[in-house]
Amino acid sequence: MEYPKDYACDGQISITEWMDSIKPIPVKIKGLCDDAYCPVCGVWLDDLKIKDCERCPECQTKIDWAPWHRRNEEDV
């Protein structure tokens, strides 16, 4: 039995749909300057260059920056 190229059975999703469904993981905050680090691979997320990136540049883990923003809230 041959299936058409765009065949999809009930319950089947694409890899991009699956990757987008994964919930972001909160960044790890370390050091005196409240530096953000990837929660999975531990790479330093330089806030001047890649602040608020959606994914870690090394391991592509979805990142949640909310804890970092709460801790580094500027006084208005």
PDB file of N, CA and C in Angstrom:
ATOM      1  N   MET A   1       0.844  -1.179   0.000  1.00  0.00           N
ATOM      2  CA  MET A   1       0.000   0.000   0.000  1.00  0.00           C
ATOM      3  C   MET A   1       0.887   1.240   0.000  1.00  0.00           C
ATOM      4  N   GLU A   2       0.638   2.147  -0.908  1.00  0.00           N
ATOM      5  CA  GLU A   2       1.404   3.385  -0.975  1.00  0.00           C
ATOM      6  C   GLU A   2       0.541   4.532  -0.462  1.00  0.00           C
ATOM      7  N   TYR A   3       1.205   5.413   0.287  1.00  0.00           N
ATOM      8  CA  TYR A   3       0.515   6.575   0.830  1.00  0.00           C
ATOM      9  C   TYR A   3       0.905   7.812   0.037  1.00  0.00           C
ATOM     10  N   PRO A   4      -0.004   8.780  -0.109  1.00  0.00           N
ATOM     11  CA  PRO A   4       0.361  10.027  -0.774  1.00  0.00           C
ATOM     12  C   PRO A   4       1.426  10.781   0.029  1.00  0.00           C
ATOM     13  N   LYS A   5       2.147  11.662  -0.639  1.00  0.00           N
ATOM     14  CA  LYS A   5       3.236  12.404   0.003  1.00  0.00           C
ATOM     15  C   LYS A   5       2.777  13.178   1.235  1.00  0.00           C
ATOM     16  N   ASP A   6       1.620  13.785   1.178  1.00  0.00           N
ATOM     17  CA  ASP A   6       1.142  14.624   2.287  1.00  0.00           C
ATOM     18  C   ASP A   6       0.208  13.864   3.235  1.00  0.00           C
ATOM     19  N   TYR A   7       0.336  12.543   3.270  1.00  0.00           N
ATOM     20  CA  TYR A   7      -0.512  11.713   4.125  1.00  0.00           C
ATOM     21  C   TYR A   7      -0.267  12.014   5.597  1.00  0.00           C
ATOM     22  N   ALA A   8      -1.338  12.141   6.351  1.00  0.00           N
ATOM     23  CA  ALA A   8      -1.252  12.312   7.797  1.00  0.00           C
ATOM     24  C   ALA A   8      -2.425  11.576   8.434  1.00  0.00           C
ATOM     25  N   CYS A   9      -2.127  10.677   9.345  1.00  0.00           N
ATOM     26  CA  CYS A   9      -3.197   9.958  10.025  1.00  0.00           C
ATOM     27  C   CYS A   9      -3.657  10.773  11.233  1.00  0.00           C
ATOM     28  N   ASP A  10      -4.781  10.383  11.822  1.00  0.00           N
ATOM     29  CA  ASP A  10      -5.269  11.087  13.004  1.00  0.00           C
ATOM     30  C   ASP A  10      -4.234  11.001  14.116  1.00  0.00           C
ATOM     31  N   GLY A  11      -3.927  12.154  14.721  1.00  0.00           N
ATOM     32  CA  GLY A  11      -2.976  12.179  15.829  1.00  0.00           C
ATOM     33  C   GLY A  11      -1.537  12.407  15.406  1.00  0.00           C
ATOM     34  N   GLN A  12      -1.263  12.456  14.131  1.00  0.00           N
ATOM     35  CA  GLN A  12       0.103  12.670  13.667  1.00  0.00           C
ATOM     36  C   GLN A  12       0.390  14.166  13.588  1.00  0.00           C
ATOM     37  N   ILE A  13       1.547  14.578  14.122  1.00  0.00           N
ATOM     38  CA  ILE A  13       1.953  15.975  14.025  1.00  0.00           C
ATOM     39  C   ILE A  13       3.356  16.048  13.446  1.00  0.00           C
ATOM     40  N   SER A  14       3.667  17.200  12.920  1.00  0.00           N
ATOM     41  CA  SER A  14       5.001  17.383  12.352  1.00  0.00           C
ATOM     42  C   SER A  14       5.993  17.685  13.474  1.00  0.00           C
ATOM     43  N   ILE A  15       7.270  17.566  13.182  1.00  0.00           N
ATOM     44  CA  ILE A  15       8.303  17.833  14.185  1.00  0.00           C
ATOM     45  C   ILE A  15       8.279  19.301  14.614  1.00  0.00           C
ATOM     46  N   THR A  16       7.963  20.216  13.698  1.00  0.00           N
ATOM     47  CA  THR A  16       7.898  21.631  14.068  1.00  0.00           C
ATOM     48  C   THR A  16       6.720  21.912  14.994  1.00  0.00           C
ATOM     49  N   GLU A  17       5.580  21.263  14.763  1.00  0.00           N
ATOM     50  CA  GLU A  17       4.439  21.412  15.673  1.00  0.00           C
ATOM     51  C   GLU A  17       4.785  20.874  17.053  1.00  0.00           C
ATOM     52  N   TRP A  18       5.495  19.758  17.098  1.00  0.00           N
ATOM     53  CA  TRP A  18       5.886  19.166  18.379  1.00  0.00           C
ATOM     54  C   TRP A  18       6.870  20.077  19.121  1.00  0.00           C
ATOM     55  N   MET A  19       7.859  20.629  18.402  1.00  0.00           N
ATOM     56  CA  MET A  19       8.847  21.515  19.021  1.00  0.00           C
ATOM     57  C   MET A  19       8.173  22.772  19.574  1.00  0.00           C
ATOM     58  N   ASP A  20       7.176  23.293  18.867  1.00  0.00           N
ATOM     59  CA  ASP A  20       6.482  24.493  19.331  1.00  0.00           C
ATOM     60  C   ASP A  20       5.562  24.214  20.514  1.00  0.00           C
ATOM     61  N   SER A  21       5.177  22.957  20.702  1.00  0.00           N
ATOM     62  CA  SER A  21       4.280  22.625  21.812  1.00  0.00           C
ATOM     63  C   SER A  21       5.025  22.459  23.140  1.00  0.00           C
ATOM     64  N   ILE A  22       6.346  22.365  23.097  1.00  0.00           N
ATOM     65  CA  ILE A  22       7.133  22.199  24.318  1.00  0.00           C
ATOM     66  C   ILE A  22       7.142  23.505  25.094  1.00  0.00           C
ATOM     67  N   LYS A  23       6.878  23.411  26.390  1.00  0.00           N
ATOM     68  CA  LYS A  23       6.858  24.610  27.220  1.00  0.00           C
ATOM     69  C   LYS A  23       8.273  25.091  27.487  1.00  0.00           C
ATOM     70  N   PRO A  24       8.466  26.418  27.518  1.00  0.00           N
ATOM     71  CA  PRO A  24       9.798  26.951  27.798  1.00  0.00           C
ATOM     72  C   PRO A  24      10.232  26.660  29.232  1.00  0.00           C
ATOM     73  N   ILE A  25      11.532  26.521  29.429  1.00  0.00           N
ATOM     74  CA  ILE A  25      12.105  26.255  30.744  1.00  0.00           C
ATOM     75  C   ILE A  25      12.721  27.557  31.254  1.00  0.00           C
ATOM     76  N   PRO A  26      12.468  27.931  32.516  1.00  0.00           N
ATOM     77  CA  PRO A  26      13.022  29.179  33.048  1.00  0.00           C
ATOM     78  C   PRO A  26      14.553  29.176  33.049  1.00  0.00           C
ATOM     79  N   VAL A  27      15.141  30.335  32.724  1.00  0.00           N
ATOM     80  CA  VAL A  27      16.600  30.458  32.739  1.00  0.00           C
ATOM     81  C   VAL A  27      17.113  30.286  34.158  1.00  0.00           C
ATOM     82  N   LYS A  28      18.358  29.825  34.283  1.00  0.00           N
ATOM     83  CA  LYS A  28      19.020  29.756  35.586  1.00  0.00           C
ATOM     84  C   LYS A  28      19.703  31.099  35.792  1.00  0.00           C
ATOM     85  N   ILE A  29      19.630  31.635  36.994  1.00  0.00           N
ATOM     86  CA  ILE A  29      20.237  32.918  37.303  1.00  0.00           C
ATOM     87  C   ILE A  29      21.345  32.682  38.319  1.00  0.00           C
ATOM     88  N   LYS A  30      22.562  33.147  37.980  1.00  0.00           N
ATOM     89  CA  LYS A  30      23.723  32.934  38.851  1.00  0.00           C
ATOM     90  C   LYS A  30      24.549  34.206  38.939  1.00  0.00           C
ATOM     91  N   GLY A  31      25.322  34.297  39.995  1.00  0.00           N
ATOM     92  CA  GLY A  31      26.317  35.352  40.117  1.00  0.00           C
ATOM     93  C   GLY A  31      25.782  36.653  40.682  1.00  0.00           C
ATOM     94  N   LEU A  32      26.708  37.558  40.968  1.00  0.00           N
ATOM     95  CA  LEU A  32      26.364  38.857  41.538  1.00  0.00           C
ATOM     96  C   LEU A  32      25.615  39.745  40.550  1.00  0.00           C
ATOM     97  N   CYS A  33      25.861  39.533  39.281  1.00  0.00           N
ATOM     98  CA  CYS A  33      25.231  40.370  38.242  1.00  0.00           C
ATOM     99  C   CYS A  33      23.961  39.749  37.688  1.00  0.00           C
ATOM    100  N   ASP A  34      23.468  38.705  38.332  1.00  0.00           N
ATOM    101  CA  ASP A  34      22.249  38.019  37.876  1.00  0.00           C
ATOM    102  C   ASP A  34      22.345  37.587  36.420  1.00  0.00           C
ATOM    103  N   ASP A  35      23.435  36.908  36.089  1.00  0.00           N
ATOM    104  CA  ASP A  35      23.619  36.419  34.728  1.00  0.00           C
ATOM    105  C   ASP A  35      22.666  35.256  34.455  1.00  0.00           C
ATOM    106  N   ALA A  36      22.157  35.213  33.228  1.00  0.00           N
ATOM    107  CA  ALA A  36      21.244  34.142  32.819  1.00  0.00           C
ATOM    108  C   ALA A  36      22.035  33.029  32.140  1.00  0.00           C
ATOM    109  N   TYR A  37      21.666  31.789  32.475  1.00  0.00           N
ATOM    110  CA  TYR A  37      22.301  30.605  31.887  1.00  0.00           C
ATOM    111  C   TYR A  37      21.215  29.663  31.394  1.00  0.00           C
ATOM    112  N   CYS A  38      21.530  28.909  30.348  1.00  0.00           N
ATOM    113  CA  CYS A  38      20.593  27.916  29.827  1.00  0.00           C
ATOM    114  C   CYS A  38      20.352  26.856  30.903  1.00  0.00           C
ATOM    115  N   PRO A  39      19.101  26.493  31.163  1.00  0.00           N
ATOM    116  CA  PRO A  39      18.800  25.496  32.190  1.00  0.00           C
ATOM    117  C   PRO A  39      19.211  24.078  31.804  1.00  0.00           C
ATOM    118  N   VAL A  40      19.478  23.824  30.533  1.00  0.00           N
ATOM    119  CA  VAL A  40      19.831  22.482  30.079  1.00  0.00           C
ATOM    120  C   VAL A  40      21.334  22.317  29.885  1.00  0.00           C
ATOM    121  N   CYS A  41      21.938  23.155  29.042  1.00  0.00           N
ATOM    122  CA  CYS A  41      23.364  22.975  28.727  1.00  0.00           C
ATOM    123  C   CYS A  41      24.272  23.883  29.548  1.00  0.00           C
ATOM    124  N   GLY A  42      23.710  24.894  30.208  1.00  0.00           N
ATOM    125  CA  GLY A  42      24.498  25.753  31.087  1.00  0.00           C
ATOM    126  C   GLY A  42      25.263  26.854  30.393  1.00  0.00           C
ATOM    127  N   VAL A  43      25.030  27.092  29.102  1.00  0.00           N
ATOM    128  CA  VAL A  43      25.750  28.148  28.397  1.00  0.00           C
ATOM    129  C   VAL A  43      25.282  29.513  28.914  1.00  0.00           C
ATOM    130  N   TRP A  44      26.238  30.451  29.019  1.00  0.00           N
ATOM    131  CA  TRP A  44      25.925  31.795  29.483  1.00  0.00           C
ATOM    132  C   TRP A  44      25.166  32.529  28.395  1.00  0.00           C
ATOM    133  N   LEU A  45      24.024  33.088  28.745  1.00  0.00           N
ATOM    134  CA  LEU A  45      23.214  33.842  27.796  1.00  0.00           C
ATOM    135  C   LEU A  45      23.513  35.317  28.013  1.00  0.00           C
ATOM    136  N   ASP A  46      24.473  35.826  27.272  1.00  0.00           N
ATOM    137  CA  ASP A  46      24.918  37.213  27.395  1.00  0.00           C
ATOM    138  C   ASP A  46      23.729  38.131  27.144  1.00  0.00           C
ATOM    139  N   ASP A  47      23.256  38.794  28.200  1.00  0.00           N
ATOM    140  CA  ASP A  47      22.044  39.588  28.077  1.00  0.00           C
ATOM    141  C   ASP A  47      22.188  40.784  27.143  1.00  0.00           C
ATOM    142  N   LEU A  48      23.396  41.210  26.843  1.00  0.00           N
ATOM    143  CA  LEU A  48      23.561  42.321  25.909  1.00  0.00           C
ATOM    144  C   LEU A  48      23.445  41.873  24.464  1.00  0.00           C
ATOM    145  N   LYS A  49      23.761  40.609  24.187  1.00  0.00           N
ATOM    146  CA  LYS A  49      23.745  40.119  22.802  1.00  0.00           C
ATOM    147  C   LYS A  49      22.501  39.304  22.476  1.00  0.00           C
ATOM    148  N   ILE A  50      22.093  38.427  23.374  1.00  0.00           N
ATOM    149  CA  ILE A  50      20.988  37.505  23.054  1.00  0.00           C
ATOM    150  C   ILE A  50      19.886  37.525  24.102  1.00  0.00           C
ATOM    151  N   LYS A  51      19.712  38.655  24.771  1.00  0.00           N
ATOM    152  CA  LYS A  51      18.658  38.772  25.766  1.00  0.00           C
ATOM    153  C   LYS A  51      17.302  38.529  25.111  1.00  0.00           C
ATOM    154  N   ASP A  52      16.462  37.816  25.799  1.00  0.00           N
ATOM    155  CA  ASP A  52      15.109  37.492  25.354  1.00  0.00           C
ATOM    156  C   ASP A  52      15.052  36.612  24.107  1.00  0.00           C
ATOM    157  N   CYS A  53      16.106  35.843  23.860  1.00  0.00           N
ATOM    158  CA  CYS A  53      16.054  34.907  22.731  1.00  0.00           C
ATOM    159  C   CYS A  53      15.037  33.819  23.070  1.00  0.00           C
ATOM    160  N   GLU A  54      14.376  33.304  22.061  1.00  0.00           N
ATOM    161  CA  GLU A  54      13.350  32.286  22.280  1.00  0.00           C
ATOM    162  C   GLU A  54      13.971  30.937  22.615  1.00  0.00           C
ATOM    163  N   ARG A  55      15.125  30.641  22.003  1.00  0.00           N
ATOM    164  CA  ARG A  55      15.798  29.354  22.198  1.00  0.00           C
ATOM    165  C   ARG A  55      17.265  29.565  22.514  1.00  0.00           C
ATOM    166  N   CYS A  56      17.842  28.609  23.234  1.00  0.00           N
ATOM    167  CA  CYS A  56      19.267  28.633  23.531  1.00  0.00           C
ATOM    168  C   CYS A  56      20.044  28.505  22.222  1.00  0.00           C
ATOM    169  N   PRO A  57      21.067  29.339  22.013  1.00  0.00           N
ATOM    170  CA  PRO A  57      21.824  29.245  20.766  1.00  0.00           C
ATOM    171  C   PRO A  57      22.645  27.960  20.649  1.00  0.00           C
ATOM    172  N   GLU A  58      22.903  27.282  21.751  1.00  0.00           N
ATOM    173  CA  GLU A  58      23.701  26.049  21.726  1.00  0.00           C
ATOM    174  C   GLU A  58      22.841  24.800  21.562  1.00  0.00           C
ATOM    175  N   CYS A  59      21.849  24.613  22.451  1.00  0.00           N
ATOM    176  CA  CYS A  59      21.094  23.349  22.456  1.00  0.00           C
ATOM    177  C   CYS A  59      19.654  23.479  21.957  1.00  0.00           C
ATOM    178  N   GLN A  60      19.237  24.700  21.606  1.00  0.00           N
ATOM    179  CA  GLN A  60      17.910  24.979  21.050  1.00  0.00           C
ATOM    180  C   GLN A  60      16.755  24.726  22.029  1.00  0.00           C
ATOM    181  N   THR A  61      17.037  24.709  23.333  1.00  0.00           N
ATOM    182  CA  THR A  61      15.991  24.564  24.341  1.00  0.00           C
ATOM    183  C   THR A  61      15.163  25.841  24.378  1.00  0.00           C
ATOM    184  N   LYS A  62      13.844  25.693  24.474  1.00  0.00           N
ATOM    185  CA  LYS A  62      12.974  26.855  24.605  1.00  0.00           C
ATOM    186  C   LYS A  62      13.192  27.476  25.980  1.00  0.00           C
ATOM    187  N   ILE A  63      13.388  28.798  26.022  1.00  0.00           N
ATOM    188  CA  ILE A  63      13.763  29.486  27.260  1.00  0.00           C
ATOM    189  C   ILE A  63      12.675  30.467  27.694  1.00  0.00           C
ATOM    190  N   ASP A  64      12.426  30.501  29.009  1.00  0.00           N
ATOM    191  CA  ASP A  64      11.503  31.454  29.610  1.00  0.00           C
ATOM    192  C   ASP A  64      12.329  32.486  30.379  1.00  0.00           C
ATOM    193  N   TRP A  65      12.252  33.744  29.973  1.00  0.00           N
ATOM    194  CA  TRP A  65      13.044  34.814  30.589  1.00  0.00           C
ATOM    195  C   TRP A  65      12.315  35.501  31.744  1.00  0.00           C
ATOM    196  N   ALA A  66      11.109  35.079  32.108  1.00  0.00           N
ATOM    197  CA  ALA A  66      10.321  35.757  33.146  1.00  0.00           C
ATOM    198  C   ALA A  66      11.066  35.868  34.480  1.00  0.00           C
ATOM    199  N   PRO A  67      11.737  34.809  34.977  1.00  0.00           N
ATOM    200  CA  PRO A  67      12.442  34.952  36.256  1.00  0.00           C
ATOM    201  C   PRO A  67      13.555  36.007  36.200  1.00  0.00           C
ATOM    202  N   TRP A  68      14.252  36.084  35.087  1.00  0.00           N
ATOM    203  CA  TRP A  68      15.323  37.067  34.940  1.00  0.00           C
ATOM    204  C   TRP A  68      14.756  38.488  34.940  1.00  0.00           C
ATOM    205  N   HIS A  69      13.620  38.677  34.241  1.00  0.00           N
ATOM    206  CA  HIS A  69      13.005  39.998  34.193  1.00  0.00           C
ATOM    207  C   HIS A  69      12.459  40.408  35.563  1.00  0.00           C
ATOM    208  N   ARG A  70      11.901  39.462  36.313  1.00  0.00           N
ATOM    209  CA  ARG A  70      11.417  39.789  37.658  1.00  0.00           C
ATOM    210  C   ARG A  70      12.561  40.244  38.551  1.00  0.00           C
ATOM    211  N   ARG A  71      13.684  39.565  38.469  1.00  0.00           N
ATOM    212  CA  ARG A  71      14.821  39.890  39.328  1.00  0.00           C
ATOM    213  C   ARG A  71      15.520  41.182  38.894  1.00  0.00           C
ATOM    214  N   ASN A  72      15.493  41.487  37.609  1.00  0.00           N
ATOM    215  CA  ASN A  72      16.200  42.657  37.091  1.00  0.00           C
ATOM    216  C   ASN A  72      15.274  43.784  36.684  1.00  0.00           C
ATOM    217  N   GLU A  73      14.154  43.856  37.341  1.00  0.00           N
ATOM    218  CA  GLU A  73      13.199  44.908  37.046  1.00  0.00           C
ATOM    219  C   GLU A  73      13.797  46.257  37.392  1.00  0.00           C
ATOM    220  N   GLU A  74      13.762  47.164  36.438  1.00  0.00           N
ATOM    221  CA  GLU A  74      14.325  48.496  36.674  1.00  0.00           C
ATOM    222  C   GLU A  74      13.350  49.340  37.475  1.00  0.00           C
ATOM    223  N   ASP A  75      13.895  50.154  38.384  1.00  0.00           N
ATOM    224  CA  ASP A  75      13.064  51.081  39.146  1.00  0.00           C
ATOM    225  C   ASP A  75      12.584  52.199  38.225  1.00  0.00           C
ATOM    226  N   VAL A  76      11.304  52.426  38.261  1.00  0.00           N
ATOM    227  CA  VAL A  76      10.728  53.446  37.367  1.00  0.00           C
ATOM    228  C   VAL A  76      10.576  54.741  38.101  1.00  0.00           C
TER     229      VAL A  76
END
